[in-house]
Structure formats: structure tokens, C-alpha cells
Amino acid sequence: MNQEFKSFFKKSKAMSKFHEILKNVKKSPQKSAKEKRAEKRERRAMKNESINLKKVFEEKEK
């Protein structure tokens, strides 16, 4: 029982140290709403292009 408690305590201590390190790591700069919208627009356009290409290839095979 005592051994289990010691190992648990060591793990929790290590985890708290890990979380402390994570807090200290600099956060990546936040993107503005404009940038996020632009990225969404690009992804949507790429998705539409791939769908259109699939349709073209399907039509050529027929």
C-alpha cells in the first residue's frame, strides 16, 4: 500500500512539473478572424476543385 502511494506521488509530481513546463512555453500567435476566414475559403475552394476533378475523370471513363 505504501509503495503504491509513493509511486502515485512521484507520477503526480512529474505531471505537475510537465504542466508547469507547458505553461511556460510561449503560445503561438493567434490568427486574426480575417486570416481564419481566408484559410477556410481556401480549403473550401480546394475541396470543390477536387470534387470537380473527380466528376471530370468519371465522365471521361464513361
PDB file of N, CA and C in Angstrom:
ATOM      1  N   MET A   1       0.829  -1.198   0.000  1.00  0.00           N
ATOM      2  CA  MET A   1       0.000   0.000   0.000  1.00  0.00           C
ATOM      3  C   MET A   1       0.869   1.256   0.000  1.00  0.00           C
ATOM      4  N   ASN A   2       1.860   1.262   0.868  1.00  0.00           N
ATOM      5  CA  ASN A   2       2.738   2.419   0.981  1.00  0.00           C
ATOM      6  C   ASN A   2       3.539   2.625  -0.306  1.00  0.00           C
ATOM      7  N   GLN A   3       3.967   1.524  -0.913  1.00  0.00           N
ATOM      8  CA  GLN A   3       4.739   1.590  -2.161  1.00  0.00           C
ATOM      9  C   GLN A   3       3.884   2.187  -3.282  1.00  0.00           C
ATOM     10  N   GLU A   4       2.616   1.775  -3.343  1.00  0.00           N
ATOM     11  CA  GLU A   4       1.702   2.303  -4.363  1.00  0.00           C
ATOM     12  C   GLU A   4       1.536   3.807  -4.206  1.00  0.00           C
ATOM     13  N   PHE A   5       1.427   4.252  -2.960  1.00  0.00           N
ATOM     14  CA  PHE A   5       1.256   5.680  -2.704  1.00  0.00           C
ATOM     15  C   PHE A   5       2.486   6.459  -3.158  1.00  0.00           C
ATOM     16  N   LYS A   6       3.675   5.909  -2.887  1.00  0.00           N
ATOM     17  CA  LYS A   6       4.913   6.583  -3.286  1.00  0.00           C
ATOM     18  C   LYS A   6       5.006   6.715  -4.801  1.00  0.00           C
ATOM     19  N   SER A   7       4.668   5.637  -5.519  1.00  0.00           N
ATOM     20  CA  SER A   7       4.745   5.693  -6.978  1.00  0.00           C
ATOM     21  C   SER A   7       3.713   6.678  -7.531  1.00  0.00           C
ATOM     22  N   PHE A   8       2.528   6.707  -6.912  1.00  0.00           N
ATOM     23  CA  PHE A   8       1.492   7.656  -7.342  1.00  0.00           C
ATOM     24  C   PHE A   8       1.969   9.086  -7.113  1.00  0.00           C
ATOM     25  N   PHE A   9       2.587   9.324  -5.970  1.00  0.00           N
ATOM     26  CA  PHE A   9       3.068  10.662  -5.634  1.00  0.00           C
ATOM     27  C   PHE A   9       4.142  11.114  -6.625  1.00  0.00           C
ATOM     28  N   LYS A  10       5.045  10.194  -6.983  1.00  0.00           N
ATOM     29  CA  LYS A  10       6.097  10.522  -7.954  1.00  0.00           C
ATOM     30  C   LYS A  10       5.491  10.882  -9.303  1.00  0.00           C
ATOM     31  N   LYS A  11       4.488  10.104  -9.726  1.00  0.00           N
ATOM     32  CA  LYS A  11       3.838  10.365 -11.013  1.00  0.00           C
ATOM     33  C   LYS A  11       3.140  11.717 -11.006  1.00  0.00           C
ATOM     34  N   SER A  12       2.424  12.009  -9.922  1.00  0.00           N
ATOM     35  CA  SER A  12       1.690  13.275  -9.859  1.00  0.00           C
ATOM     36  C   SER A  12       2.657  14.452  -9.827  1.00  0.00           C
ATOM     37  N   LYS A  13       3.789  14.265  -9.162  1.00  0.00           N
ATOM     38  CA  LYS A  13       4.801  15.319  -9.106  1.00  0.00           C
ATOM     39  C   LYS A  13       5.371  15.565 -10.505  1.00  0.00           C
ATOM     40  N   ALA A  14       5.620  14.484 -11.227  1.00  0.00           N
ATOM     41  CA  ALA A  14       6.145  14.597 -12.586  1.00  0.00           C
ATOM     42  C   ALA A  14       5.124  15.273 -13.495  1.00  0.00           C
ATOM     43  N   MET A  15       3.854  14.926 -13.329  1.00  0.00           N
ATOM     44  CA  MET A  15       2.813  15.531 -14.159  1.00  0.00           C
ATOM     45  C   MET A  15       2.700  17.025 -13.880  1.00  0.00           C
ATOM     46  N   SER A  16       2.774  17.416 -12.606  1.00  0.00           N
ATOM     47  CA  SER A  16       2.664  18.839 -12.290  1.00  0.00           C
ATOM     48  C   SER A  16       3.841  19.597 -12.897  1.00  0.00           C
ATOM     49  N   LYS A  17       5.006  18.982 -12.888  1.00  0.00           N
ATOM     50  CA  LYS A  17       6.192  19.595 -13.497  1.00  0.00           C
ATOM     51  C   LYS A  17       5.968  19.744 -15.005  1.00  0.00           C
ATOM     52  N   PHE A  18       5.398  18.712 -15.609  1.00  0.00           N
ATOM     53  CA  PHE A  18       5.115  18.723 -17.044  1.00  0.00           C
ATOM     54  C   PHE A  18       4.157  19.860 -17.393  1.00  0.00           C
ATOM     55  N   HIS A  19       3.088  20.007 -16.595  1.00  0.00           N
ATOM     56  CA  HIS A  19       2.110  21.066 -16.851  1.00  0.00           C
ATOM     57  C   HIS A  19       2.727  22.448 -16.656  1.00  0.00           C
ATOM     58  N   GLU A  20       3.617  22.542 -15.682  1.00  0.00           N
ATOM     59  CA  GLU A  20       4.306  23.814 -15.437  1.00  0.00           C
ATOM     60  C   GLU A  20       5.151  24.196 -16.654  1.00  0.00           C
ATOM     61  N   ILE A  21       5.824  23.216 -17.228  1.00  0.00           N
ATOM     62  CA  ILE A  21       6.644  23.459 -18.422  1.00  0.00           C
ATOM     63  C   ILE A  21       5.753  23.889 -19.578  1.00  0.00           C
ATOM     64  N   LEU A  22       4.617  23.217 -19.727  1.00  0.00           N
ATOM     65  CA  LEU A  22       3.693  23.576 -20.807  1.00  0.00           C
ATOM     66  C   LEU A  22       3.222  25.019 -20.683  1.00  0.00           C
ATOM     67  N   LYS A  23       2.960  25.458 -19.457  1.00  0.00           N
ATOM     68  CA  LYS A  23       2.505  26.835 -19.244  1.00  0.00           C
ATOM     69  C   LYS A  23       3.574  27.829 -19.672  1.00  0.00           C
ATOM     70  N   ASN A  24       4.833  27.486 -19.402  1.00  0.00           N
ATOM     71  CA  ASN A  24       5.924  28.412 -19.678  1.00  0.00           C
ATOM     72  C   ASN A  24       6.278  28.494 -21.156  1.00  0.00           C
ATOM     73  N   VAL A  25       5.882  27.487 -21.922  1.00  0.00           N
ATOM     74  CA  VAL A  25       6.182  27.510 -23.354  1.00  0.00           C
ATOM     75  C   VAL A  25       5.378  28.635 -23.987  1.00  0.00           C
ATOM     76  N   LYS A  26       6.039  29.384 -24.845  1.00  0.00           N
ATOM     77  CA  LYS A  26       5.344  30.511 -25.473  1.00  0.00           C
ATOM     78  C   LYS A  26       4.235  29.993 -26.375  1.00  0.00           C
ATOM     79  N   LYS A  27       3.086  30.660 -26.302  1.00  0.00           N
ATOM     80  CA  LYS A  27       1.959  30.271 -27.142  1.00  0.00           C
ATOM     81  C   LYS A  27       2.177  30.817 -28.541  1.00  0.00           C
ATOM     82  N   SER A  28       1.671  30.092 -29.527  1.00  0.00           N
ATOM     83  CA  SER A  28       1.789  30.570 -30.901  1.00  0.00           C
ATOM     84  C   SER A  28       0.889  31.786 -31.061  1.00  0.00           C
ATOM     85  N   PRO A  29       1.288  32.720 -31.888  1.00  0.00           N
ATOM     86  CA  PRO A  29       0.476  33.929 -32.060  1.00  0.00           C
ATOM     87  C   PRO A  29      -0.904  33.591 -32.616  1.00  0.00           C
ATOM     88  N   GLN A  30      -1.909  34.231 -32.076  1.00  0.00           N
ATOM     89  CA  GLN A  30      -3.284  33.972 -32.500  1.00  0.00           C
ATOM     90  C   GLN A  30      -3.538  34.583 -33.871  1.00  0.00           C
ATOM     91  N   LYS A  31      -4.281  33.866 -34.696  1.00  0.00           N
ATOM     92  CA  LYS A  31      -4.616  34.371 -36.020  1.00  0.00           C
ATOM     93  C   LYS A  31      -5.828  35.282 -35.913  1.00  0.00           C
ATOM     94  N   SER A  32      -5.841  36.287 -36.748  1.00  0.00           N
ATOM     95  CA  SER A  32      -6.985  37.193 -36.750  1.00  0.00           C
ATOM     96  C   SER A  32      -8.165  36.507 -37.434  1.00  0.00           C
ATOM     97  N   ALA A  33      -9.341  37.063 -37.233  1.00  0.00           N
ATOM     98  CA  ALA A  33     -10.550  36.492 -37.836  1.00  0.00           C
ATOM     99  C   ALA A  33     -10.443  36.518 -39.357  1.00  0.00           C
ATOM    100  N   LYS A  34      -9.831  37.573 -39.889  1.00  0.00           N
ATOM    101  CA  LYS A  34      -9.674  37.682 -41.346  1.00  0.00           C
ATOM    102  C   LYS A  34      -8.841  36.526 -41.889  1.00  0.00           C
ATOM    103  N   GLU A  35      -7.735  36.229 -41.199  1.00  0.00           N
ATOM    104  CA  GLU A  35      -6.859  35.138 -41.640  1.00  0.00           C
ATOM    105  C   GLU A  35      -7.583  33.799 -41.578  1.00  0.00           C
ATOM    106  N   LYS A  36      -8.350  33.586 -40.508  1.00  0.00           N
ATOM    107  CA  LYS A  36      -9.094  32.330 -40.363  1.00  0.00           C
ATOM    108  C   LYS A  36     -10.103  32.165 -41.491  1.00  0.00           C
ATOM    109  N   ARG A  37     -10.829  33.256 -41.806  1.00  0.00           N
ATOM    110  CA  ARG A  37     -11.811  33.192 -42.889  1.00  0.00           C
ATOM    111  C   ARG A  37     -11.137  32.903 -44.218  1.00  0.00           C
ATOM    112  N   ALA A  38      -9.979  33.539 -44.450  1.00  0.00           N
ATOM    113  CA  ALA A  38      -9.252  33.322 -45.699  1.00  0.00           C
ATOM    114  C   ALA A  38      -8.836  31.857 -45.825  1.00  0.00           C
ATOM    115  N   GLU A  39      -8.348  31.282 -44.729  1.00  0.00           N
ATOM    116  CA  GLU A  39      -7.944  29.873 -44.750  1.00  0.00           C
ATOM    117  C   GLU A  39      -9.135  28.967 -45.026  1.00  0.00           C
ATOM    118  N   LYS A  40     -10.275  29.253 -44.399  1.00  0.00           N
ATOM    119  CA  LYS A  40     -11.479  28.453 -44.635  1.00  0.00           C
ATOM    120  C   LYS A  40     -11.877  28.531 -46.098  1.00  0.00           C
ATOM    121  N   ARG A  41     -11.813  29.752 -46.645  1.00  0.00           N
ATOM    122  CA  ARG A  41     -12.185  29.959 -48.043  1.00  0.00           C
ATOM    123  C   ARG A  41     -11.276  29.132 -48.957  1.00  0.00           C
ATOM    124  N   GLU A  42      -9.968  29.153 -48.662  1.00  0.00           N
ATOM    125  CA  GLU A  42      -9.004  28.379 -49.466  1.00  0.00           C
ATOM    126  C   GLU A  42      -9.311  26.883 -49.383  1.00  0.00           C
ATOM    127  N   ARG A  43      -9.571  26.388 -48.174  1.00  0.00           N
ATOM    128  CA  ARG A  43      -9.859  24.960 -48.003  1.00  0.00           C
ATOM    129  C   ARG A  43     -11.111  24.562 -48.770  1.00  0.00           C
ATOM    130  N   ARG A  44     -12.133  25.419 -48.682  1.00  0.00           N
ATOM    131  CA  ARG A  44     -13.378  25.139 -49.389  1.00  0.00           C
ATOM    132  C   ARG A  44     -13.145  25.096 -50.892  1.00  0.00           C
ATOM    133  N   ALA A  45     -12.353  26.047 -51.397  1.00  0.00           N
ATOM    134  CA  ALA A  45     -12.064  26.100 -52.831  1.00  0.00           C
ATOM    135  C   ALA A  45     -11.314  24.843 -53.267  1.00  0.00           C
ATOM    136  N   MET A  46     -10.333  24.424 -52.461  1.00  0.00           N
ATOM    137  CA  MET A  46      -9.565  23.223 -52.807  1.00  0.00           C
ATOM    138  C   MET A  46     -10.473  21.997 -52.819  1.00  0.00           C
ATOM    139  N   LYS A  47     -11.380  21.921 -51.863  1.00  0.00           N
ATOM    140  CA  LYS A  47     -12.304  20.791 -51.782  1.00  0.00           C
ATOM    141  C   LYS A  47     -13.196  20.758 -53.024  1.00  0.00           C
ATOM    142  N   ASN A  48     -13.713  21.917 -53.409  1.00  0.00           N
ATOM    143  CA  ASN A  48     -14.566  21.998 -54.595  1.00  0.00           C
ATOM    144  C   ASN A  48     -13.805  21.592 -55.852  1.00  0.00           C
ATOM    145  N   GLU A  49     -12.539  22.014 -55.953  1.00  0.00           N
ATOM    146  CA  GLU A  49     -11.729  21.651 -57.116  1.00  0.00           C
ATOM    147  C   GLU A  49     -11.543  20.147 -57.199  1.00  0.00           C
ATOM    148  N   SER A  50     -11.267  19.506 -56.065  1.00  0.00           N
ATOM    149  CA  SER A  50     -11.046  18.054 -56.080  1.00  0.00           C
ATOM    150  C   SER A  50     -12.329  17.325 -56.462  1.00  0.00           C
ATOM    151  N   ILE A  51     -13.474  17.821 -56.004  1.00  0.00           N
ATOM    152  CA  ILE A  51     -14.756  17.200 -56.359  1.00  0.00           C
ATOM    153  C   ILE A  51     -14.991  17.338 -57.856  1.00  0.00           C
ATOM    154  N   ASN A  52     -14.704  18.532 -58.393  1.00  0.00           N
ATOM    155  CA  ASN A  52     -14.891  18.767 -59.824  1.00  0.00           C
ATOM    156  C   ASN A  52     -13.982  17.866 -60.650  1.00  0.00           C
ATOM    157  N   LEU A  53     -12.744  17.664 -60.197  1.00  0.00           N
ATOM    158  CA  LEU A  53     -11.814  16.792 -60.921  1.00  0.00           C
ATOM    159  C   LEU A  53     -12.333  15.358 -60.938  1.00  0.00           C
ATOM    160  N   LYS A  54     -12.887  14.905 -59.825  1.00  0.00           N
ATOM    161  CA  LYS A  54     -13.437  13.545 -59.766  1.00  0.00           C
ATOM    162  C   LYS A  54     -14.547  13.382 -60.797  1.00  0.00           C
ATOM    163  N   LYS A  55     -15.404  14.393 -60.896  1.00  0.00           N
ATOM    164  CA  LYS A  55     -16.503  14.334 -61.860  1.00  0.00           C
ATOM    165  C   LYS A  55     -15.966  14.258 -63.283  1.00  0.00           C
ATOM    166  N   VAL A  56     -14.934  15.040 -63.584  1.00  0.00           N
ATOM    167  CA  VAL A  56     -14.346  15.060 -64.930  1.00  0.00           C
ATOM    168  C   VAL A  56     -13.798  13.682 -65.275  1.00  0.00           C
ATOM    169  N   PHE A  57     -13.055  13.075 -64.334  1.00  0.00           N
ATOM    170  CA  PHE A  57     -12.479  11.758 -64.603  1.00  0.00           C
ATOM    171  C   PHE A  57     -13.565  10.700 -64.780  1.00  0.00           C
ATOM    172  N   GLU A  58     -14.627  10.796 -63.986  1.00  0.00           N
ATOM    173  CA  GLU A  58     -15.724   9.831 -64.109  1.00  0.00           C
ATOM    174  C   GLU A  58     -16.387   9.947 -65.475  1.00  0.00           C
ATOM    175  N   GLU A  59     -16.557  11.177 -65.958  1.00  0.00           N
ATOM    176  CA  GLU A  59     -17.189  11.389 -67.259  1.00  0.00           C
ATOM    177  C   GLU A  59     -16.306  10.861 -68.385  1.00  0.00           C
ATOM    178  N   LYS A  60     -14.984  11.017 -68.255  1.00  0.00           N
ATOM    179  CA  LYS A  60     -14.062  10.550 -69.297  1.00  0.00           C
ATOM    180  C   LYS A  60     -14.060   9.031 -69.388  1.00  0.00           C
ATOM    181  N   GLU A  61     -14.244   8.359 -68.253  1.00  0.00           N
ATOM    182  CA  GLU A  61     -14.229   6.897 -68.227  1.00  0.00           C
ATOM    183  C   GLU A  61     -15.459   6.303 -68.901  1.00  0.00           C
ATOM    184  N   LYS A  62     -16.553   7.040 -68.934  1.00  0.00           N
ATOM    185  CA  LYS A  62     -17.810   6.517 -69.498  1.00  0.00           C
ATOM    186  C   LYS A  62     -17.770   6.407 -70.976  1.00  0.00           C
TER     187      LYS A  62
END
